[in-house]
Amino acid sequence: MAKLTVVPTPIGNLEDMTFRAVRVLKEADLILAEDTRTTGILLKHFEIQNRMQSHHKFNEHQTVEHLAARIKAGENIALVSDAGTPAISDPGFMLVRECVRQGVEVECLPGATAFVPALVASGLPNEKFCFEGFLPQKKGRQTRLKELAEETRTMIFYESPFRLLKTLTQFAEVFGADRSVSVSREISKLHEETVRGTLEEVMAHFTQNEPKGEIVIILEGKRNKKEKETGTEV
């Protein structure tokens, strides 16, 4: 039976591509790519010559119904984004939802996504966490931050290097400058870096060292009174 296969791709190091992902892309009748130029480099590296079609946030609204119908009619389609797992802060959700609506089988392969290594390497509690992705840039941003002020779970955010300092400054204003944070950038790439400390300390680091590359922020949740007094989790 034909199906939609969601295929994670490396977020940096091409060695993170799985054998299974390569096989699925080679066997697909069509590969949907967020940017065909970016995916073209990946396909060339792994000697994959299958047909590609653009599938991104600007056209997915108009195409998902037709694409799901094509799978239902017998085409095996693979979906990739520029890096990481599609639908995680990338296009993909709408197509998956439409396939489910039409009764089309959907399979998601395990693989790379930026927040998992950033969370594990942060040293912050990771048995419970909430993924916020990109915060609203303008409307609703302050409202969301105030809502998160009472969040006790570790919080995960994606951010642009150009807005990192502004975001950390806002975090310090809302959560307190002594809140622990870990900032990872360029995960799995040559210049991978994780900076840990209080918001104040990490802000000082990136004031002196211009941030570059894709950014994942791991922010400590609100501690209760006893935790603050002892400096430990309870």
C-alpha atoms as a PDB file:
ATOM      1  CA  MET A   1       0.000   0.000   0.000  1.00  0.00           C
ATOM      2  CA  ALA A   2       1.295   3.444  -0.905  1.00  0.00           C
ATOM      3  CA  LYS A   3       1.998   5.853   1.938  1.00  0.00           C
ATOM      4  CA  LEU A   4       3.488   9.167   3.005  1.00  0.00           C
ATOM      5  CA  THR A   5       6.858   8.722   4.680  1.00  0.00           C
ATOM      6  CA  VAL A   6       8.196  11.613   6.749  1.00  0.00           C
ATOM      7  CA  VAL A   7      11.984  11.468   6.495  1.00  0.00           C
ATOM      8  CA  PRO A   8      14.258  13.351   8.914  1.00  0.00           C
ATOM      9  CA  THR A   9      17.468  14.661   7.373  1.00  0.00           C
ATOM     10  CA  PRO A  10      20.729  15.739   9.055  1.00  0.00           C
ATOM     11  CA  ILE A  11      20.760  19.080  10.847  1.00  0.00           C
ATOM     12  CA  GLY A  12      24.453  19.432  10.071  1.00  0.00           C
ATOM     13  CA  ASN A  13      26.698  16.407   9.751  1.00  0.00           C
ATOM     14  CA  LEU A  14      25.680  14.250   6.782  1.00  0.00           C
ATOM     15  CA  GLU A  15      26.877  11.161   8.669  1.00  0.00           C
ATOM     16  CA  ASP A  16      23.705  11.472  10.752  1.00  0.00           C
ATOM     17  CA  MET A  17      21.639  10.285   7.773  1.00  0.00           C
ATOM     18  CA  THR A  18      20.299   6.776   8.417  1.00  0.00           C
ATOM     19  CA  PHE A  19      20.575   3.846   6.005  1.00  0.00           C
ATOM     20  CA  ARG A  20      16.804   3.518   6.153  1.00  0.00           C
ATOM     21  CA  ALA A  21      16.253   7.162   5.221  1.00  0.00           C
ATOM     22  CA  VAL A  22      18.501   6.796   2.183  1.00  0.00           C
ATOM     23  CA  ARG A  23      16.637   3.664   1.086  1.00  0.00           C
ATOM     24  CA  VAL A  24      13.220   5.276   1.491  1.00  0.00           C
ATOM     25  CA  LEU A  25      14.251   8.310  -0.556  1.00  0.00           C
ATOM     26  CA  LYS A  26      15.651   6.072  -3.302  1.00  0.00           C
ATOM     27  CA  GLU A  27      12.426   4.053  -3.445  1.00  0.00           C
ATOM     28  CA  ALA A  28      10.003   7.013  -3.352  1.00  0.00           C
ATOM     29  CA  ASP A  29       8.018   7.938  -6.460  1.00  0.00           C
ATOM     30  CA  LEU A  30       8.270  11.585  -5.435  1.00  0.00           C
ATOM     31  CA  ILE A  31      10.228  13.557  -2.840  1.00  0.00           C
ATOM     32  CA  LEU A  32       8.591  16.662  -1.405  1.00  0.00           C
ATOM     33  CA  ALA A  33      11.264  19.157  -0.384  1.00  0.00           C
ATOM     34  CA  GLU A  34      11.048  22.434   1.509  1.00  0.00           C
ATOM     35  CA  ASP A  35      13.822  23.813  -0.734  1.00  0.00           C
ATOM     36  CA  THR A  36      14.766  21.671  -3.737  1.00  0.00           C
ATOM     37  CA  ARG A  37      18.202  23.311  -3.931  1.00  0.00           C
ATOM     38  CA  THR A  38      19.076  22.350  -0.357  1.00  0.00           C
ATOM     39  CA  THR A  39      17.659  18.853  -0.705  1.00  0.00           C
ATOM     40  CA  GLY A  40      19.356  18.500  -4.080  1.00  0.00           C
ATOM     41  CA  ILE A  41      22.753  18.707  -2.362  1.00  0.00           C
ATOM     42  CA  LEU A  42      21.728  15.956   0.055  1.00  0.00           C
ATOM     43  CA  LEU A  43      20.376  13.725  -2.715  1.00  0.00           C
ATOM     44  CA  LYS A  44      23.493  14.184  -4.816  1.00  0.00           C
ATOM     45  CA  HIS A  45      25.696  13.209  -1.864  1.00  0.00           C
ATOM     46  CA  PHE A  46      23.803   9.937  -1.418  1.00  0.00           C
ATOM     47  CA  GLU A  47      23.393   9.329  -5.179  1.00  0.00           C
ATOM     48  CA  ILE A  48      19.612   9.648  -5.099  1.00  0.00           C
ATOM     49  CA  GLN A  49      18.123  10.738  -8.414  1.00  0.00           C
ATOM     50  CA  ASN A  50      14.385  10.675  -7.736  1.00  0.00           C
ATOM     51  CA  ARG A  51      12.023  13.428  -8.783  1.00  0.00           C
ATOM     52  CA  MET A  52      11.516  16.337  -6.398  1.00  0.00           C
ATOM     53  CA  GLN A  53       8.724  18.848  -5.913  1.00  0.00           C
ATOM     54  CA  SER A  54       8.673  21.980  -3.744  1.00  0.00           C
ATOM     55  CA  HIS A  55       6.550  21.743  -0.614  1.00  0.00           C
ATOM     56  CA  HIS A  56       6.843  24.722   1.723  1.00  0.00           C
ATOM     57  CA  LYS A  57       4.773  27.007   3.937  1.00  0.00           C
ATOM     58  CA  PHE A  58       3.805  29.235   1.007  1.00  0.00           C
ATOM     59  CA  ASN A  59       2.189  26.510  -1.101  1.00  0.00           C
ATOM     60  CA  GLU A  60       1.219  23.686   1.255  1.00  0.00           C
ATOM     61  CA  HIS A  61      -2.284  25.065   1.834  1.00  0.00           C
ATOM     62  CA  GLN A  62      -3.109  24.630  -1.851  1.00  0.00           C
ATOM     63  CA  THR A  63      -1.424  21.267  -2.482  1.00  0.00           C
ATOM     64  CA  VAL A  64      -2.057  18.923   0.464  1.00  0.00           C
ATOM     65  CA  GLU A  65      -5.435  17.616  -0.699  1.00  0.00           C
ATOM     66  CA  HIS A  66      -4.094  16.762  -4.151  1.00  0.00           C
ATOM     67  CA  LEU A  67      -0.923  15.171  -2.750  1.00  0.00           C
ATOM     68  CA  ALA A  68      -2.881  12.984  -0.341  1.00  0.00           C
ATOM     69  CA  ALA A  69      -5.101  11.892  -3.211  1.00  0.00           C
ATOM     70  CA  ARG A  70      -2.034  10.940  -5.265  1.00  0.00           C
ATOM     71  CA  ILE A  71      -0.779   8.718  -2.449  1.00  0.00           C
ATOM     72  CA  LYS A  72      -4.221   7.179  -2.127  1.00  0.00           C
ATOM     73  CA  ALA A  73      -4.063   6.425  -5.844  1.00  0.00           C
ATOM     74  CA  GLY A  74      -0.809   4.483  -5.437  1.00  0.00           C
ATOM     75  CA  GLU A  75       2.200   6.849  -5.308  1.00  0.00           C
ATOM     76  CA  ASN A  76       4.753   6.507  -2.533  1.00  0.00           C
ATOM     77  CA  ILE A  77       5.734  10.015  -1.458  1.00  0.00           C
ATOM     78  CA  ALA A  78       8.551  11.020   0.901  1.00  0.00           C
ATOM     79  CA  LEU A  79       8.557  14.354   2.723  1.00  0.00           C
ATOM     80  CA  VAL A  80      11.731  16.139   3.834  1.00  0.00           C
ATOM     81  CA  SER A  81      12.495  19.602   5.169  1.00  0.00           C
ATOM     82  CA  ASP A  82      15.768  21.507   4.845  1.00  0.00           C
ATOM     83  CA  ALA A  83      17.074  19.876   8.028  1.00  0.00           C
ATOM     84  CA  GLY A  84      15.717  17.799  10.885  1.00  0.00           C
ATOM     85  CA  THR A  85      12.264  16.257  11.157  1.00  0.00           C
ATOM     86  CA  PRO A  86       9.484  17.747   8.990  1.00  0.00           C
ATOM     87  CA  ALA A  87       6.535  19.293  10.856  1.00  0.00           C
ATOM     88  CA  ILE A  88       8.716  20.250  13.855  1.00  0.00           C
ATOM     89  CA  SER A  89       8.837  24.027  13.287  1.00  0.00           C
ATOM     90  CA  ASP A  90       8.890  23.173   9.557  1.00  0.00           C
ATOM     91  CA  PRO A  91       6.256  22.395   6.893  1.00  0.00           C
ATOM     92  CA  GLY A  92       4.625  18.980   7.120  1.00  0.00           C
ATOM     93  CA  PHE A  93       1.792  19.076   9.628  1.00  0.00           C
ATOM     94  CA  MET A  94      -0.856  20.073   7.088  1.00  0.00           C
ATOM     95  CA  LEU A  95       0.027  17.224   4.726  1.00  0.00           C
ATOM     96  CA  VAL A  96       0.102  14.661   7.536  1.00  0.00           C
ATOM     97  CA  ARG A  97      -3.284  15.894   8.772  1.00  0.00           C
ATOM     98  CA  GLU A  98      -4.799  15.669   5.294  1.00  0.00           C
ATOM     99  CA  CYS A  99      -3.416  12.156   4.772  1.00  0.00           C
ATOM    100  CA  VAL A 100      -4.951  11.077   8.069  1.00  0.00           C
ATOM    101  CA  ARG A 101      -8.241  12.676   7.017  1.00  0.00           C
ATOM    102  CA  GLN A 102      -8.235  10.763   3.726  1.00  0.00           C
ATOM    103  CA  GLY A 103      -7.250   7.480   5.344  1.00  0.00           C
ATOM    104  CA  VAL A 104      -3.751   7.482   3.834  1.00  0.00           C
ATOM    105  CA  GLU A 105      -1.028   5.664   5.776  1.00  0.00           C
ATOM    106  CA  VAL A 106       1.603   7.948   7.339  1.00  0.00           C
ATOM    107  CA  GLU A 107       4.944   6.744   8.637  1.00  0.00           C
ATOM    108  CA  CYS A 108       7.568   8.944  10.307  1.00  0.00           C
ATOM    109  CA  LEU A 109      11.118   7.627  10.446  1.00  0.00           C
ATOM    110  CA  PRO A 110      13.163   8.285  13.590  1.00  0.00           C
ATOM    111  CA  GLY A 111      16.006  10.696  13.087  1.00  0.00           C
ATOM    112  CA  ALA A 112      17.528  14.087  13.623  1.00  0.00           C
ATOM    113  CA  THR A 113      15.762  16.958  15.342  1.00  0.00           C
ATOM    114  CA  ALA A 114      17.686  19.831  16.879  1.00  0.00           C
ATOM    115  CA  PHE A 115      16.041  20.132  20.278  1.00  0.00           C
ATOM    116  CA  VAL A 116      16.783  16.593  21.522  1.00  0.00           C
ATOM    117  CA  PRO A 117      20.615  16.826  21.612  1.00  0.00           C
ATOM    118  CA  ALA A 118      20.350  20.399  22.918  1.00  0.00           C
ATOM    119  CA  LEU A 119      18.060  19.294  25.748  1.00  0.00           C
ATOM    120  CA  VAL A 120      20.156  16.282  26.718  1.00  0.00           C
ATOM    121  CA  ALA A 121      23.420  18.281  26.651  1.00  0.00           C
ATOM    122  CA  SER A 122      21.972  21.177  28.649  1.00  0.00           C
ATOM    123  CA  GLY A 123      22.226  19.462  32.019  1.00  0.00           C
ATOM    124  CA  LEU A 124      18.758  20.764  32.874  1.00  0.00           C
ATOM    125  CA  PRO A 125      15.924  18.431  33.947  1.00  0.00           C
ATOM    126  CA  ASN A 126      14.614  16.556  30.913  1.00  0.00           C
ATOM    127  CA  GLU A 127      12.136  14.017  32.267  1.00  0.00           C
ATOM    128  CA  LYS A 128       9.416  16.593  31.574  1.00  0.00           C
ATOM    129  CA  PHE A 129       9.671  19.519  29.181  1.00  0.00           C
ATOM    130  CA  CYS A 130       7.607  21.745  26.922  1.00  0.00           C
ATOM    131  CA  PHE A 131       8.552  22.591  23.353  1.00  0.00           C
ATOM    132  CA  GLU A 132       7.699  26.164  22.368  1.00  0.00           C
ATOM    133  CA  GLY A 133       9.574  26.368  19.057  1.00  0.00           C
ATOM    134  CA  PHE A 134       9.743  29.920  17.723  1.00  0.00           C
ATOM    135  CA  LEU A 135       7.979  32.509  19.865  1.00  0.00           C
ATOM    136  CA  PRO A 136       5.730  35.026  18.078  1.00  0.00           C
ATOM    137  CA  GLN A 137       7.964  37.829  16.850  1.00  0.00           C
ATOM    138  CA  LYS A 138       5.520  40.619  17.680  1.00  0.00           C
ATOM    139  CA  LYS A 139       1.847  40.116  18.447  1.00  0.00           C
ATOM    140  CA  GLY A 140       1.296  37.756  21.351  1.00  0.00           C
ATOM    141  CA  ARG A 141       4.972  37.472  22.324  1.00  0.00           C
ATOM    142  CA  GLN A 142       4.758  39.219  25.697  1.00  0.00           C
ATOM    143  CA  THR A 143       1.498  37.460  26.495  1.00  0.00           C
ATOM    144  CA  ARG A 144       3.078  34.076  25.859  1.00  0.00           C
ATOM    145  CA  LEU A 145       6.152  34.905  27.938  1.00  0.00           C
ATOM    146  CA  LYS A 146       3.990  35.952  30.886  1.00  0.00           C
ATOM    147  CA  GLU A 147       2.050  32.703  30.594  1.00  0.00           C
ATOM    148  CA  LEU A 148       5.319  30.755  30.692  1.00  0.00           C
ATOM    149  CA  ALA A 149       6.502  32.582  33.828  1.00  0.00           C
ATOM    150  CA  GLU A 150       4.743  29.920  35.931  1.00  0.00           C
ATOM    151  CA  GLU A 151       5.901  26.958  33.828  1.00  0.00           C
ATOM    152  CA  THR A 152       7.794  24.461  36.013  1.00  0.00           C
ATOM    153  CA  ARG A 153       8.981  22.187  33.200  1.00  0.00           C
ATOM    154  CA  THR A 154      12.163  22.814  31.231  1.00  0.00           C
ATOM    155  CA  MET A 155      11.304  24.960  28.197  1.00  0.00           C
ATOM    156  CA  ILE A 156      12.688  24.644  24.670  1.00  0.00           C
ATOM    157  CA  PHE A 157      12.827  27.475  22.141  1.00  0.00           C
ATOM    158  CA  TYR A 158      14.194  27.920  18.639  1.00  0.00           C
ATOM    159  CA  GLU A 159      15.685  31.282  17.777  1.00  0.00           C
ATOM    160  CA  SER A 160      17.539  33.173  15.073  1.00  0.00           C
ATOM    161  CA  PRO A 161      21.095  34.298  15.919  1.00  0.00           C
ATOM    162  CA  PHE A 162      20.019  37.841  15.040  1.00  0.00           C
ATOM    163  CA  ARG A 163      17.341  37.837  17.767  1.00  0.00           C
ATOM    164  CA  LEU A 164      19.129  35.746  20.393  1.00  0.00           C
ATOM    165  CA  LEU A 165      20.301  38.584  22.647  1.00  0.00           C
ATOM    166  CA  LYS A 166      16.931  40.327  22.479  1.00  0.00           C
ATOM    167  CA  THR A 167      15.182  37.085  23.434  1.00  0.00           C
ATOM    168  CA  LEU A 168      17.568  36.348  26.310  1.00  0.00           C
ATOM    169  CA  THR A 169      17.063  39.908  27.572  1.00  0.00           C
ATOM    170  CA  GLN A 170      13.294  39.430  27.520  1.00  0.00           C
ATOM    171  CA  PHE A 171      13.685  36.112  29.331  1.00  0.00           C
ATOM    172  CA  ALA A 172      15.728  37.824  32.051  1.00  0.00           C
ATOM    173  CA  GLU A 173      13.025  40.479  32.456  1.00  0.00           C
ATOM    174  CA  VAL A 174      10.214  37.919  32.732  1.00  0.00           C
ATOM    175  CA  PHE A 175      11.896  34.926  34.410  1.00  0.00           C
ATOM    176  CA  GLY A 176      14.734  36.612  36.321  1.00  0.00           C
ATOM    177  CA  ALA A 177      18.379  37.029  35.343  1.00  0.00           C
ATOM    178  CA  ASP A 178      19.414  34.186  37.668  1.00  0.00           C
ATOM    179  CA  ARG A 179      17.344  31.560  35.802  1.00  0.00           C
ATOM    180  CA  SER A 180      19.547  28.774  34.378  1.00  0.00           C
ATOM    181  CA  VAL A 181      19.757  28.479  30.602  1.00  0.00           C
ATOM    182  CA  SER A 182      21.666  26.525  27.979  1.00  0.00           C
ATOM    183  CA  VAL A 183      22.147  27.812  24.437  1.00  0.00           C
ATOM    184  CA  SER A 184      23.257  25.382  21.736  1.00  0.00           C
ATOM    185  CA  ARG A 185      24.163  26.418  18.216  1.00  0.00           C
ATOM    186  CA  GLU A 186      25.427  24.717  15.058  1.00  0.00           C
ATOM    187  CA  ILE A 187      24.488  21.296  16.476  1.00  0.00           C
ATOM    188  CA  SER A 188      26.465  18.453  14.829  1.00  0.00           C
ATOM    189  CA  LYS A 189      28.421  20.943  12.719  1.00  0.00           C
ATOM    190  CA  LEU A 190      32.116  21.880  12.831  1.00  0.00           C
ATOM    191  CA  HIS A 191      31.634  24.878  15.144  1.00  0.00           C
ATOM    192  CA  GLU A 192      29.066  23.320  17.489  1.00  0.00           C
ATOM    193  CA  GLU A 193      28.872  25.127  20.818  1.00  0.00           C
ATOM    194  CA  THR A 194      26.795  24.916  23.995  1.00  0.00           C
ATOM    195  CA  VAL A 195      26.932  27.773  26.489  1.00  0.00           C
ATOM    196  CA  ARG A 196      25.477  27.148  29.945  1.00  0.00           C
ATOM    197  CA  GLY A 197      24.902  29.414  32.929  1.00  0.00           C
ATOM    198  CA  THR A 198      22.426  31.945  34.234  1.00  0.00           C
ATOM    199  CA  LEU A 199      20.625  34.170  31.766  1.00  0.00           C
ATOM    200  CA  GLU A 200      22.877  37.007  32.879  1.00  0.00           C
ATOM    201  CA  GLU A 201      26.042  34.971  32.261  1.00  0.00           C
ATOM    202  CA  VAL A 202      24.943  33.645  28.876  1.00  0.00           C
ATOM    203  CA  MET A 203      23.858  37.127  27.765  1.00  0.00           C
ATOM    204  CA  ALA A 204      27.328  38.408  28.676  1.00  0.00           C
ATOM    205  CA  HIS A 205      28.936  35.631  26.619  1.00  0.00           C
ATOM    206  CA  PHE A 206      26.950  36.380  23.474  1.00  0.00           C
ATOM    207  CA  THR A 207      27.414  40.124  23.919  1.00  0.00           C
ATOM    208  CA  GLN A 208      31.146  39.501  23.552  1.00  0.00           C
ATOM    209  CA  ASN A 209      30.835  36.664  21.031  1.00  0.00           C
ATOM    210  CA  GLU A 210      28.449  37.244  18.138  1.00  0.00           C
ATOM    211  CA  PRO A 211      26.085  34.256  17.833  1.00  0.00           C
ATOM    212  CA  LYS A 212      25.980  32.465  14.494  1.00  0.00           C
ATOM    213  CA  GLY A 213      24.027  29.525  13.119  1.00  0.00           C
ATOM    214  CA  GLU A 214      20.813  27.848  14.179  1.00  0.00           C
ATOM    215  CA  ILE A 215      20.004  28.346  17.870  1.00  0.00           C
ATOM    216  CA  VAL A 216      18.244  26.143  20.449  1.00  0.00           C
ATOM    217  CA  ILE A 217      17.551  27.662  23.884  1.00  0.00           C
ATOM    218  CA  ILE A 218      16.899  25.357  26.850  1.00  0.00           C
ATOM    219  CA  LEU A 219      15.456  27.317  29.777  1.00  0.00           C
ATOM    220  CA  GLU A 220      15.013  26.076  33.329  1.00  0.00           C
ATOM    221  CA  GLY A 221      11.446  25.949  34.592  1.00  0.00           C
ATOM    222  CA  LYS A 222      10.245  27.860  37.626  1.00  0.00           C
ATOM    223  CA  ARG A 223      11.516  26.391  40.878  1.00  0.00           C
ATOM    224  CA  ASN A 224       9.363  26.138  43.950  1.00  0.00           C
ATOM    225  CA  LYS A 225      10.376  27.870  47.172  1.00  0.00           C
ATOM    226  CA  LYS A 226      12.158  24.849  48.646  1.00  0.00           C
ATOM    227  CA  GLU A 227      14.170  24.271  45.477  1.00  0.00           C
ATOM    228  CA  LYS A 228      15.304  27.900  45.467  1.00  0.00           C
ATOM    229  CA  GLU A 229      16.409  27.661  49.104  1.00  0.00           C
ATOM    230  CA  THR A 230      18.362  24.423  48.638  1.00  0.00           C
ATOM    231  CA  GLY A 231      19.471  24.902  45.035  1.00  0.00           C
ATOM    232  CA  THR A 232      18.306  21.397  44.187  1.00  0.00           C
ATOM    233  CA  GLU A 233      15.306  19.652  42.687  1.00  0.00           C
ATOM    234  CA  VAL A 234      12.674  18.101  44.901  1.00  0.00           C
END
